[in-house]
């Protein structure tokens, strides 16, 4: 378990550089909606290097469930983690013999959300 996060009855607390943040399933649902909006951006507004995976991630998120179990908060294949005092969603693909990439998205508060 990451010593900078604690799980307690469907909630997780992250000790971040910006302070303590508590996360529950509703928070994960909001993050999922935010990521879905990101992946629905028009092609011209989306980072070019990720265009080939955009539609796959968008569909994956639409089918994903949010849950907190033990020391893990997840949105489908994406795991919420404290990385260097910042909250990030990290996508861990299923094990494979092929080359794999681990994608991550740094989350920031905007207007107290």
PDB file of N, CA and C in Angstrom:
ATOM      1  N   UNK A   1       0.832  -1.184   0.000  1.00  0.00           N
ATOM      2  CA  UNK A   1       0.000   0.000   0.000  1.00  0.00           C
ATOM      3  C   UNK A   1       0.873   1.242   0.000  1.00  0.00           C
ATOM      4  N   UNK A   2       0.483   2.211  -0.784  1.00  0.00           N
ATOM      5  CA  UNK A   2       1.184   3.487  -0.822  1.00  0.00           C
ATOM      6  C   UNK A   2       0.972   4.171   0.523  1.00  0.00           C
ATOM      7  N   UNK A   3       2.039   4.500   1.217  1.00  0.00           N
ATOM      8  CA  UNK A   3       1.913   5.090   2.551  1.00  0.00           C
ATOM      9  C   UNK A   3       1.273   6.463   2.529  1.00  0.00           C
ATOM     10  N   UNK A   4       1.124   7.059   1.362  1.00  0.00           N
ATOM     11  CA  UNK A   4       0.513   8.372   1.301  1.00  0.00           C
ATOM     12  C   UNK A   4      -0.974   8.299   0.992  1.00  0.00           C
ATOM     13  N   UNK A   5      -1.569   7.090   1.064  1.00  0.00           N
ATOM     14  CA  UNK A   5      -3.018   6.963   0.910  1.00  0.00           C
ATOM     15  C   UNK A   5      -3.526   5.945   1.920  1.00  0.00           C
ATOM     16  N   UNK A   6      -4.747   6.138   2.359  1.00  0.00           N
ATOM     17  CA  UNK A   6      -5.363   5.225   3.313  1.00  0.00           C
ATOM     18  C   UNK A   6      -6.783   4.931   2.857  1.00  0.00           C
ATOM     19  N   UNK A   7      -7.205   3.675   2.984  1.00  0.00           N
ATOM     20  CA  UNK A   7      -8.563   3.281   2.620  1.00  0.00           C
ATOM     21  C   UNK A   7      -9.379   3.066   3.879  1.00  0.00           C
ATOM     22  N   UNK A   8     -10.645   3.474   3.836  1.00  0.00           N
ATOM     23  CA  UNK A   8     -11.526   3.306   4.976  1.00  0.00           C
ATOM     24  C   UNK A   8     -12.966   3.261   4.494  1.00  0.00           C
ATOM     25  N   UNK A   9     -13.590   2.093   4.551  1.00  0.00           N
ATOM     26  CA  UNK A   9     -15.003   1.907   4.223  1.00  0.00           C
ATOM     27  C   UNK A   9     -15.464   2.632   2.956  1.00  0.00           C
ATOM     28  N   UNK A  10     -14.911   2.277   1.822  1.00  0.00           N
ATOM     29  CA  UNK A  10     -15.354   2.862   0.566  1.00  0.00           C
ATOM     30  C   UNK A  10     -14.857   4.268   0.323  1.00  0.00           C
ATOM     31  N   UNK A  11     -13.894   4.688   1.102  1.00  0.00           N
ATOM     32  CA  UNK A  11     -13.280   6.006   0.945  1.00  0.00           C
ATOM     33  C   UNK A  11     -11.772   5.830   0.961  1.00  0.00           C
ATOM     34  N   UNK A  12     -11.096   6.706   0.277  1.00  0.00           N
ATOM     35  CA  UNK A  12      -9.639   6.737   0.351  1.00  0.00           C
ATOM     36  C   UNK A  12      -9.206   8.160   0.641  1.00  0.00           C
ATOM     37  N   UNK A  13      -8.164   8.257   1.408  1.00  0.00           N
ATOM     38  CA  UNK A  13      -7.592   9.563   1.728  1.00  0.00           C
ATOM     39  C   UNK A  13      -6.186   9.605   1.146  1.00  0.00           C
ATOM     40  N   UNK A  14      -5.917  10.666   0.393  1.00  0.00           N
ATOM     41  CA  UNK A  14      -4.614  10.861  -0.219  1.00  0.00           C
ATOM     42  C   UNK A  14      -3.958  12.081   0.403  1.00  0.00           C
ATOM     43  N   UNK A  15      -2.710  11.908   0.832  1.00  0.00           N
ATOM     44  CA  UNK A  15      -1.921  13.026   1.357  1.00  0.00           C
ATOM     45  C   UNK A  15      -1.109  13.588   0.199  1.00  0.00           C
ATOM     46  N   UNK A  16      -1.560  14.695  -0.350  1.00  0.00           N
ATOM     47  CA  UNK A  16      -0.951  15.302  -1.525  1.00  0.00           C
ATOM     48  C   UNK A  16      -0.157  16.545  -1.139  1.00  0.00           C
ATOM     49  N   UNK A  17       0.635  17.034  -2.055  1.00  0.00           N
ATOM     50  CA  UNK A  17       1.392  18.260  -1.805  1.00  0.00           C
ATOM     51  C   UNK A  17       0.457  19.430  -1.515  1.00  0.00           C
ATOM     52  N   UNK A  18      -0.733  19.399  -2.106  1.00  0.00           N
ATOM     53  CA  UNK A  18      -1.701  20.483  -1.920  1.00  0.00           C
ATOM     54  C   UNK A  18      -2.580  20.288  -0.684  1.00  0.00           C
ATOM     55  N   UNK A  19      -2.421  19.165   0.021  1.00  0.00           N
ATOM     56  CA  UNK A  19      -3.216  18.878   1.210  1.00  0.00           C
ATOM     57  C   UNK A  19      -3.875  17.515   1.117  1.00  0.00           C
ATOM     58  N   UNK A  20      -4.735  17.235   2.072  1.00  0.00           N
ATOM     59  CA  UNK A  20      -5.426  15.954   2.130  1.00  0.00           C
ATOM     60  C   UNK A  20      -6.657  15.972   1.235  1.00  0.00           C
ATOM     61  N   UNK A  21      -6.859  14.884   0.505  1.00  0.00           N
ATOM     62  CA  UNK A  21      -8.027  14.749  -0.359  1.00  0.00           C
ATOM     63  C   UNK A  21      -8.693  13.423  -0.064  1.00  0.00           C
ATOM     64  N   UNK A  22     -10.002  13.459   0.235  1.00  0.00           N
ATOM     65  CA  UNK A  22     -10.772  12.228   0.433  1.00  0.00           C
ATOM     66  C   UNK A  22     -11.555  11.933  -0.836  1.00  0.00           C
ATOM     67  N   UNK A  23     -11.543  10.673  -1.222  1.00  0.00           N
ATOM     68  CA  UNK A  23     -12.181  10.230  -2.452  1.00  0.00           C
ATOM     69  C   UNK A  23     -13.142   9.098  -2.110  1.00  0.00           C
ATOM     70  N   UNK A  24     -14.347   9.148  -2.691  1.00  0.00           N
ATOM     71  CA  UNK A  24     -15.293   8.040  -2.580  1.00  0.00           C
ATOM     72  C   UNK A  24     -15.764   7.675  -3.990  1.00  0.00           C
ATOM     73  N   UNK A  25     -16.701   6.750  -4.096  1.00  0.00           N
ATOM     74  CA  UNK A  25     -17.150   6.289  -5.411  1.00  0.00           C
ATOM     75  C   UNK A  25     -17.785   7.436  -6.198  1.00  0.00           C
ATOM     76  N   UNK A  26     -18.499   8.347  -5.527  1.00  0.00           N
ATOM     77  CA  UNK A  26     -19.091   9.484  -6.236  1.00  0.00           C
ATOM     78  C   UNK A  26     -18.003  10.354  -6.873  1.00  0.00           C
ATOM     79  N   UNK A  27     -16.900  10.540  -6.161  1.00  0.00           N
ATOM     80  CA  UNK A  27     -15.777  11.310  -6.702  1.00  0.00           C
ATOM     81  C   UNK A  27     -15.218  10.614  -7.938  1.00  0.00           C
ATOM     82  N   UNK A  28     -15.103   9.293  -7.863  1.00  0.00           N
ATOM     83  CA  UNK A  28     -14.599   8.542  -9.018  1.00  0.00           C
ATOM     84  C   UNK A  28     -15.556   8.664 -10.203  1.00  0.00           C
ATOM     85  N   UNK A  29     -16.871   8.655  -9.936  1.00  0.00           N
ATOM     86  CA  UNK A  29     -17.849   8.848 -11.015  1.00  0.00           C
ATOM     87  C   UNK A  29     -17.652  10.201 -11.683  1.00  0.00           C
ATOM     88  N   UNK A  30     -17.369  11.237 -10.896  1.00  0.00           N
ATOM     89  CA  UNK A  30     -17.118  12.569 -11.446  1.00  0.00           C
ATOM     90  C   UNK A  30     -15.842  12.571 -12.281  1.00  0.00           C
ATOM     91  N   UNK A  31     -14.801  11.898 -11.793  1.00  0.00           N
ATOM     92  CA  UNK A  31     -13.550  11.799 -12.552  1.00  0.00           C
ATOM     93  C   UNK A  31     -13.776  11.054 -13.867  1.00  0.00           C
ATOM     94  N   UNK A  32     -14.586  10.004 -13.800  1.00  0.00           N
ATOM     95  CA  UNK A  32     -14.878   9.232 -15.002  1.00  0.00           C
ATOM     96  C   UNK A  32     -15.583  10.114 -16.028  1.00  0.00           C
ATOM     97  N   UNK A  33     -16.532  10.916 -15.573  1.00  0.00           N
ATOM     98  CA  UNK A  33     -17.245  11.819 -16.481  1.00  0.00           C
ATOM     99  C   UNK A  33     -16.284  12.846 -17.078  1.00  0.00           C
ATOM    100  N   UNK A  34     -15.372  13.366 -16.262  1.00  0.00           N
ATOM    101  CA  UNK A  34     -14.389  14.324 -16.755  1.00  0.00           C
ATOM    102  C   UNK A  34     -13.471  13.721 -17.799  1.00  0.00           C
ATOM    103  N   UNK A  35     -13.046  12.495 -17.572  1.00  0.00           N
ATOM    104  CA  UNK A  35     -12.194  11.823 -18.553  1.00  0.00           C
ATOM    105  C   UNK A  35     -12.953  11.531 -19.834  1.00  0.00           C
ATOM    106  N   UNK A  36     -14.232  11.171 -19.704  1.00  0.00           N
ATOM    107  CA  UNK A  36     -15.039  10.922 -20.894  1.00  0.00           C
ATOM    108  C   UNK A  36     -15.137  12.192 -21.738  1.00  0.00           C
ATOM    109  N   UNK A  37     -15.300  13.337 -21.091  1.00  0.00           N
ATOM    110  CA  UNK A  37     -15.352  14.611 -21.809  1.00  0.00           C
ATOM    111  C   UNK A  37     -14.017  14.861 -22.516  1.00  0.00           C
ATOM    112  N   UNK A  38     -12.908  14.575 -21.827  1.00  0.00           N
ATOM    113  CA  UNK A  38     -11.584  14.753 -22.424  1.00  0.00           C
ATOM    114  C   UNK A  38     -11.452  13.912 -23.688  1.00  0.00           C
ATOM    115  N   UNK A  39     -11.870  12.657 -23.639  1.00  0.00           N
ATOM    116  CA  UNK A  39     -11.711  11.773 -24.784  1.00  0.00           C
ATOM    117  C   UNK A  39     -12.708  12.064 -25.897  1.00  0.00           C
ATOM    118  N   UNK A  40     -13.739  12.874 -25.626  1.00  0.00           N
ATOM    119  CA  UNK A  40     -14.719  13.238 -26.649  1.00  0.00           C
ATOM    120  C   UNK A  40     -14.364  14.539 -27.368  1.00  0.00           C
ATOM    121  N   UNK A  41     -13.249  15.151 -27.007  1.00  0.00           N
ATOM    122  CA  UNK A  41     -12.831  16.391 -27.668  1.00  0.00           C
ATOM    123  C   UNK A  41     -12.703  16.153 -29.172  1.00  0.00           C
ATOM    124  N   UNK A  42     -12.994  17.193 -29.962  1.00  0.00           N
ATOM    125  CA  UNK A  42     -12.796  17.060 -31.417  1.00  0.00           C
ATOM    126  C   UNK A  42     -11.334  16.745 -31.726  1.00  0.00           C
ATOM    127  N   UNK A  43     -11.125  16.071 -32.824  1.00  0.00           N
ATOM    128  CA  UNK A  43      -9.782  15.633 -33.208  1.00  0.00           C
ATOM    129  C   UNK A  43      -8.781  16.790 -33.210  1.00  0.00           C
ATOM    130  N   UNK A  44      -9.209  17.965 -33.645  1.00  0.00           N
ATOM    131  CA  UNK A  44      -8.316  19.122 -33.730  1.00  0.00           C
ATOM    132  C   UNK A  44      -7.846  19.592 -32.351  1.00  0.00           C
ATOM    133  N   UNK A  45      -8.632  19.308 -31.291  1.00  0.00           N
ATOM    134  CA  UNK A  45      -8.293  19.747 -29.937  1.00  0.00           C
ATOM    135  C   UNK A  45      -7.604  18.660 -29.111  1.00  0.00           C
ATOM    136  N   UNK A  46      -7.511  17.471 -29.652  1.00  0.00           N
ATOM    137  CA  UNK A  46      -6.974  16.337 -28.907  1.00  0.00           C
ATOM    138  C   UNK A  46      -5.476  16.204 -29.192  1.00  0.00           C
ATOM    139  N   UNK A  47      -4.672  15.843 -28.172  1.00  0.00           N
ATOM    140  CA  UNK A  47      -3.225  15.678 -28.417  1.00  0.00           C
ATOM    141  C   UNK A  47      -2.964  14.662 -29.530  1.00  0.00           C
ATOM    142  N   UNK A  48      -2.279  15.080 -30.559  1.00  0.00           N
ATOM    143  CA  UNK A  48      -2.062  14.274 -31.760  1.00  0.00           C
ATOM    144  C   UNK A  48      -1.473  12.902 -31.460  1.00  0.00           C
ATOM    145  N   UNK A  49      -0.529  12.828 -30.521  1.00  0.00           N
ATOM    146  CA  UNK A  49       0.139  11.560 -30.261  1.00  0.00           C
ATOM    147  C   UNK A  49      -0.792  10.490 -29.674  1.00  0.00           C
ATOM    148  N   UNK A  50      -1.995  10.892 -29.225  1.00  0.00           N
ATOM    149  CA  UNK A  50      -2.912   9.921 -28.621  1.00  0.00           C
ATOM    150  C   UNK A  50      -4.180   9.697 -29.442  1.00  0.00           C
ATOM    151  N   UNK A  51      -4.231  10.224 -30.642  1.00  0.00           N
ATOM    152  CA  UNK A  51      -5.434  10.065 -31.454  1.00  0.00           C
ATOM    153  C   UNK A  51      -5.784   8.604 -31.696  1.00  0.00           C
ATOM    154  N   UNK A  52      -4.786   7.751 -31.902  1.00  0.00           N
ATOM    155  CA  UNK A  52      -5.079   6.352 -32.225  1.00  0.00           C
ATOM    156  C   UNK A  52      -5.698   5.585 -31.058  1.00  0.00           C
ATOM    157  N   UNK A  53      -5.488   6.032 -29.819  1.00  0.00           N
ATOM    158  CA  UNK A  53      -6.074   5.326 -28.674  1.00  0.00           C
ATOM    159  C   UNK A  53      -7.297   6.044 -28.104  1.00  0.00           C
ATOM    160  N   UNK A  54      -7.591   7.242 -28.610  1.00  0.00           N
ATOM    161  CA  UNK A  54      -8.689   8.050 -28.069  1.00  0.00           C
ATOM    162  C   UNK A  54     -10.021   7.298 -28.070  1.00  0.00           C
ATOM    163  N   UNK A  55     -10.423   6.776 -29.205  1.00  0.00           N
ATOM    164  CA  UNK A  55     -11.724   6.112 -29.297  1.00  0.00           C
ATOM    165  C   UNK A  55     -11.778   4.868 -28.413  1.00  0.00           C
ATOM    166  N   UNK A  56     -10.673   4.129 -28.356  1.00  0.00           N
ATOM    167  CA  UNK A  56     -10.632   2.943 -27.506  1.00  0.00           C
ATOM    168  C   UNK A  56     -10.820   3.326 -26.042  1.00  0.00           C
ATOM    169  N   UNK A  57     -10.094   4.347 -25.568  1.00  0.00           N
ATOM    170  CA  UNK A  57     -10.219   4.782 -24.173  1.00  0.00           C
ATOM    171  C   UNK A  57     -11.619   5.318 -23.887  1.00  0.00           C
ATOM    172  N   UNK A  58     -12.183   6.053 -24.828  1.00  0.00           N
ATOM    173  CA  UNK A  58     -13.534   6.599 -24.649  1.00  0.00           C
ATOM    174  C   UNK A  58     -14.541   5.460 -24.456  1.00  0.00           C
ATOM    175  N   UNK A  59     -14.488   4.450 -25.309  1.00  0.00           N
ATOM    176  CA  UNK A  59     -15.395   3.307 -25.192  1.00  0.00           C
ATOM    177  C   UNK A  59     -15.127   2.526 -23.912  1.00  0.00           C
ATOM    178  N   UNK A  60     -13.866   2.368 -23.566  1.00  0.00           N
ATOM    179  CA  UNK A  60     -13.501   1.651 -22.349  1.00  0.00           C
ATOM    180  C   UNK A  60     -14.095   2.344 -21.120  1.00  0.00           C
ATOM    181  N   UNK A  61     -13.987   3.665 -21.055  1.00  0.00           N
ATOM    182  CA  UNK A  61     -14.531   4.409 -19.915  1.00  0.00           C
ATOM    183  C   UNK A  61     -16.057   4.323 -19.854  1.00  0.00           C
ATOM    184  N   UNK A  62     -16.715   4.333 -20.998  1.00  0.00           N
ATOM    185  CA  UNK A  62     -18.180   4.240 -21.021  1.00  0.00           C
ATOM    186  C   UNK A  62     -18.667   2.913 -20.428  1.00  0.00           C
ATOM    187  N   UNK A  63     -17.848   1.867 -20.530  1.00  0.00           N
ATOM    188  CA  UNK A  63     -18.218   0.540 -20.021  1.00  0.00           C
ATOM    189  C   UNK A  63     -17.668   0.266 -18.626  1.00  0.00           C
ATOM    190  N   UNK A  64     -16.883   1.183 -18.082  1.00  0.00           N
ATOM    191  CA  UNK A  64     -16.159   0.931 -16.835  1.00  0.00           C
ATOM    192  C   UNK A  64     -16.998   1.220 -15.596  1.00  0.00           C
ATOM    193  N   UNK A  65     -16.701   0.455 -14.551  1.00  0.00           N
ATOM    194  CA  UNK A  65     -17.301   0.680 -13.238  1.00  0.00           C
ATOM    195  C   UNK A  65     -16.277   1.370 -12.343  1.00  0.00           C
ATOM    196  N   UNK A  66     -16.768   2.102 -11.366  1.00  0.00           N
ATOM    197  CA  UNK A  66     -15.915   2.767 -10.373  1.00  0.00           C
ATOM    198  C   UNK A  66     -16.036   2.002  -9.065  1.00  0.00           C
ATOM    199  N   UNK A  67     -14.907   1.773  -8.389  1.00  0.00           N
ATOM    200  CA  UNK A  67     -14.966   1.108  -7.101  1.00  0.00           C
ATOM    201  C   UNK A  67     -13.737   1.407  -6.274  1.00  0.00           C
ATOM    202  N   UNK A  68     -13.896   1.220  -4.966  1.00  0.00           N
ATOM    203  CA  UNK A  68     -12.791   1.319  -4.014  1.00  0.00           C
ATOM    204  C   UNK A  68     -12.775   0.010  -3.252  1.00  0.00           C
ATOM    205  N   UNK A  69     -11.617  -0.642  -3.239  1.00  0.00           N
ATOM    206  CA  UNK A  69     -11.485  -1.920  -2.567  1.00  0.00           C
ATOM    207  C   UNK A  69     -10.093  -2.000  -1.960  1.00  0.00           C
ATOM    208  N   UNK A  70     -10.034  -2.166  -0.663  1.00  0.00           N
ATOM    209  CA  UNK A  70      -8.737  -2.228  -0.004  1.00  0.00           C
ATOM    210  C   UNK A  70      -7.985  -0.927  -0.197  1.00  0.00           C
ATOM    211  N   UNK A  71      -6.785  -1.020  -0.743  1.00  0.00           N
ATOM    212  CA  UNK A  71      -5.981   0.188  -0.946  1.00  0.00           C
ATOM    213  C   UNK A  71      -6.013   0.643  -2.402  1.00  0.00           C
ATOM    214  N   UNK A  72      -7.091   0.317  -3.111  1.00  0.00           N
ATOM    215  CA  UNK A  72      -7.175   0.638  -4.526  1.00  0.00           C
ATOM    216  C   UNK A  72      -8.472   1.354  -4.861  1.00  0.00           C
ATOM    217  N   UNK A  73      -8.362   2.473  -5.557  1.00  0.00           N
ATOM    218  CA  UNK A  73      -9.518   3.191  -6.103  1.00  0.00           C
ATOM    219  C   UNK A  73      -9.380   3.128  -7.616  1.00  0.00           C
ATOM    220  N   UNK A  74     -10.417   2.635  -8.291  1.00  0.00           N
ATOM    221  CA  UNK A  74     -10.303   2.380  -9.731  1.00  0.00           C
ATOM    222  C   UNK A  74     -11.511   2.861 -10.513  1.00  0.00           C
ATOM    223  N   UNK A  75     -11.230   3.190 -11.761  1.00  0.00           N
ATOM    224  CA  UNK A  75     -12.248   3.410 -12.786  1.00  0.00           C
ATOM    225  C   UNK A  75     -11.867   2.454 -13.903  1.00  0.00           C
ATOM    226  N   UNK A  76     -12.465   1.279 -13.912  1.00  0.00           N
ATOM    227  CA  UNK A  76     -12.093   0.257 -14.898  1.00  0.00           C
ATOM    228  C   UNK A  76     -10.627  -0.092 -14.773  1.00  0.00           C
ATOM    229  N   UNK A  77      -9.882   0.040 -15.875  1.00  0.00           N
ATOM    230  CA  UNK A  77      -8.450  -0.274 -15.899  1.00  0.00           C
ATOM    231  C   UNK A  77      -7.589   0.847 -15.325  1.00  0.00           C
ATOM    232  N   UNK A  78      -8.200   1.970 -14.983  1.00  0.00           N
ATOM    233  CA  UNK A  78      -7.475   3.135 -14.480  1.00  0.00           C
ATOM    234  C   UNK A  78      -7.465   3.115 -12.958  1.00  0.00           C
ATOM    235  N   UNK A  79      -6.297   3.310 -12.368  1.00  0.00           N
ATOM    236  CA  UNK A  79      -6.144   3.312 -10.909  1.00  0.00           C
ATOM    237  C   UNK A  79      -5.754   4.708 -10.433  1.00  0.00           C
ATOM    238  N   UNK A  80      -6.382   5.169  -9.370  1.00  0.00           N
ATOM    239  CA  UNK A  80      -6.064   6.465  -8.784  1.00  0.00           C
ATOM    240  C   UNK A  80      -4.861   6.299  -7.865  1.00  0.00           C
ATOM    241  N   UNK A  81      -3.814   7.103  -8.090  1.00  0.00           N
ATOM    242  CA  UNK A  81      -2.575   6.961  -7.322  1.00  0.00           C
ATOM    243  C   UNK A  81      -2.010   8.316  -6.937  1.00  0.00           C
ATOM    244  N   UNK A  82      -1.265   8.311  -5.847  1.00  0.00           N
ATOM    245  CA  UNK A  82      -0.489   9.474  -5.440  1.00  0.00           C
ATOM    246  C   UNK A  82       0.903   9.303  -6.041  1.00  0.00           C
ATOM    247  N   UNK A  83       1.273  10.182  -6.943  1.00  0.00           N
ATOM    248  CA  UNK A  83       2.595  10.137  -7.567  1.00  0.00           C
ATOM    249  C   UNK A  83       3.290  11.466  -7.309  1.00  0.00           C
ATOM    250  N   UNK A  84       4.291  11.409  -6.475  1.00  0.00           N
ATOM    251  CA  UNK A  84       5.067  12.612  -6.147  1.00  0.00           C
ATOM    252  C   UNK A  84       4.189  13.730  -5.614  1.00  0.00           C
ATOM    253  N   UNK A  85       3.197  13.370  -4.798  1.00  0.00           N
ATOM    254  CA  UNK A  85       2.339  14.375  -4.168  1.00  0.00           C
ATOM    255  C   UNK A  85       1.243  14.912  -5.064  1.00  0.00           C
ATOM    256  N   UNK A  86       1.060  14.297  -6.236  1.00  0.00           N
ATOM    257  CA  UNK A  86      -0.004  14.706  -7.157  1.00  0.00           C
ATOM    258  C   UNK A  86      -0.905  13.512  -7.437  1.00  0.00           C
ATOM    259  N   UNK A  87      -2.188  13.772  -7.592  1.00  0.00           N
ATOM    260  CA  UNK A  87      -3.138  12.703  -7.860  1.00  0.00           C
ATOM    261  C   UNK A  87      -3.147  12.398  -9.349  1.00  0.00           C
ATOM    262  N   UNK A  88      -2.996  11.113  -9.686  1.00  0.00           N
ATOM    263  CA  UNK A  88      -2.975  10.700 -11.078  1.00  0.00           C
ATOM    264  C   UNK A  88      -3.849   9.475 -11.279  1.00  0.00           C
ATOM    265  N   UNK A  89      -4.467   9.402 -12.456  1.00  0.00           N
ATOM    266  CA  UNK A  89      -5.132   8.191 -12.911  1.00  0.00           C
ATOM    267  C   UNK A  89      -4.131   7.477 -13.803  1.00  0.00           C
ATOM    268  N   UNK A  90      -3.855   6.217 -13.489  1.00  0.00           N
ATOM    269  CA  UNK A  90      -2.870   5.439 -14.232  1.00  0.00           C
ATOM    270  C   UNK A  90      -3.579   4.218 -14.806  1.00  0.00           C
ATOM    271  N   UNK A  91      -3.406   4.001 -16.104  1.00  0.00           N
ATOM    272  CA  UNK A  91      -4.054   2.866 -16.757  1.00  0.00           C
ATOM    273  C   UNK A  91      -3.073   1.705 -16.846  1.00  0.00           C
ATOM    274  N   UNK A  92      -3.431   0.625 -16.153  1.00  0.00           N
ATOM    275  CA  UNK A  92      -2.639  -0.596 -16.192  1.00  0.00           C
ATOM    276  C   UNK A  92      -3.344  -1.600 -17.103  1.00  0.00           C
ATOM    277  N   UNK A  93      -2.749  -1.911 -18.254  1.00  0.00           N
ATOM    278  CA  UNK A  93      -3.392  -2.863 -19.164  1.00  0.00           C
ATOM    279  C   UNK A  93      -3.272  -4.283 -18.628  1.00  0.00           C
ATOM    280  N   UNK A  94      -4.130  -5.172 -19.113  1.00  0.00           N
ATOM    281  CA  UNK A  94      -4.009  -6.579 -18.716  1.00  0.00           C
ATOM    282  C   UNK A  94      -2.654  -7.130 -19.156  1.00  0.00           C
ATOM    283  N   UNK A  95      -2.130  -8.121 -18.440  1.00  0.00           N
ATOM    284  CA  UNK A  95      -0.832  -8.713 -18.821  1.00  0.00           C
ATOM    285  C   UNK A  95      -0.872  -9.239 -20.258  1.00  0.00           C
ATOM    286  N   UNK A  96       0.233  -9.067 -20.943  1.00  0.00           N
ATOM    287  CA  UNK A  96       0.315  -9.490 -22.338  1.00  0.00           C
ATOM    288  C   UNK A  96       1.767  -9.745 -22.703  1.00  0.00           C
ATOM    289  N   UNK A  97       1.986 -10.561 -23.724  1.00  0.00           N
ATOM    290  CA  UNK A  97       3.333 -10.794 -24.234  1.00  0.00           C
ATOM    291  C   UNK A  97       3.753  -9.701 -25.218  1.00  0.00           C
ATOM    292  N   UNK A  98       2.809  -8.854 -25.612  1.00  0.00           N
ATOM    293  CA  UNK A  98       3.096  -7.770 -26.551  1.00  0.00           C
ATOM    294  C   UNK A  98       3.604  -6.542 -25.800  1.00  0.00           C
ATOM    295  N   UNK A  99       4.148  -5.587 -26.551  1.00  0.00           N
ATOM    296  CA  UNK A  99       4.554  -4.321 -25.944  1.00  0.00           C
ATOM    297  C   UNK A  99       3.332  -3.646 -25.341  1.00  0.00           C
ATOM    298  N   UNK A 100       3.519  -3.056 -24.163  1.00  0.00           N
ATOM    299  CA  UNK A 100       2.415  -2.376 -23.494  1.00  0.00           C
ATOM    300  C   UNK A 100       2.855  -0.979 -23.078  1.00  0.00           C
ATOM    301  N   UNK A 101       1.898  -0.091 -23.028  1.00  0.00           N
ATOM    302  CA  UNK A 101       2.148   1.262 -22.565  1.00  0.00           C
ATOM    303  C   UNK A 101       1.304   1.521 -21.338  1.00  0.00           C
ATOM    304  N   UNK A 102       1.852   2.249 -20.398  1.00  0.00           N
ATOM    305  CA  UNK A 102       1.096   2.662 -19.220  1.00  0.00           C
ATOM    306  C   UNK A 102       0.816   4.143 -19.385  1.00  0.00           C
ATOM    307  N   UNK A 103      -0.466   4.477 -19.522  1.00  0.00           N
ATOM    308  CA  UNK A 103      -0.887   5.863 -19.686  1.00  0.00           C
ATOM    309  C   UNK A 103      -1.246   6.425 -18.321  1.00  0.00           C
ATOM    310  N   UNK A 104      -1.055   7.724 -18.144  1.00  0.00           N
ATOM    311  CA  UNK A 104      -1.462   8.348 -16.894  1.00  0.00           C
ATOM    312  C   UNK A 104      -1.957   9.766 -17.169  1.00  0.00           C
ATOM    313  N   UNK A 105      -2.846  10.216 -16.294  1.00  0.00           N
ATOM    314  CA  UNK A 105      -3.415  11.567 -16.395  1.00  0.00           C
ATOM    315  C   UNK A 105      -3.332  12.212 -15.023  1.00  0.00           C
ATOM    316  N   UNK A 106      -2.690  13.362 -14.952  1.00  0.00           N
ATOM    317  CA  UNK A 106      -2.603  14.098 -13.697  1.00  0.00           C
ATOM    318  C   UNK A 106      -3.907  14.847 -13.484  1.00  0.00           C
ATOM    319  N   UNK A 107      -4.464  14.720 -12.288  1.00  0.00           N
ATOM    320  CA  UNK A 107      -5.725  15.389 -11.965  1.00  0.00           C
ATOM    321  C   UNK A 107      -5.424  16.645 -11.135  1.00  0.00           C
ATOM    322  N   UNK A 108      -6.139  17.703 -11.450  1.00  0.00           N
ATOM    323  CA  UNK A 108      -5.984  18.949 -10.707  1.00  0.00           C
ATOM    324  C   UNK A 108      -7.349  19.482 -10.341  1.00  0.00           C
ATOM    325  N   UNK A 109      -7.405  20.158  -9.211  1.00  0.00           N
ATOM    326  CA  UNK A 109      -8.651  20.799  -8.790  1.00  0.00           C
ATOM    327  C   UNK A 109      -8.940  22.001  -9.663  1.00  0.00           C
ATOM    328  N   UNK A 110     -10.202  22.159  -9.986  1.00  0.00           N
ATOM    329  CA  UNK A 110     -10.649  23.328 -10.732  1.00  0.00           C
ATOM    330  C   UNK A 110     -11.934  23.817 -10.075  1.00  0.00           C
ATOM    331  N   UNK A 111     -11.909  25.051  -9.604  1.00  0.00           N
ATOM    332  CA  UNK A 111     -13.079  25.616  -8.936  1.00  0.00           C
ATOM    333  C   UNK A 111     -13.554  24.734  -7.789  1.00  0.00           C
ATOM    334  N   UNK A 112     -12.644  24.323  -6.941  1.00  0.00           N
ATOM    335  CA  UNK A 112     -12.867  23.491  -5.763  1.00  0.00           C
ATOM    336  C   UNK A 112     -13.404  22.094  -6.065  1.00  0.00           C
ATOM    337  N   UNK A 113     -13.255  21.623  -7.307  1.00  0.00           N
ATOM    338  CA  UNK A 113     -13.683  20.261  -7.660  1.00  0.00           C
ATOM    339  C   UNK A 113     -12.501  19.465  -8.144  1.00  0.00           C
TER     340      UNK A 113
END
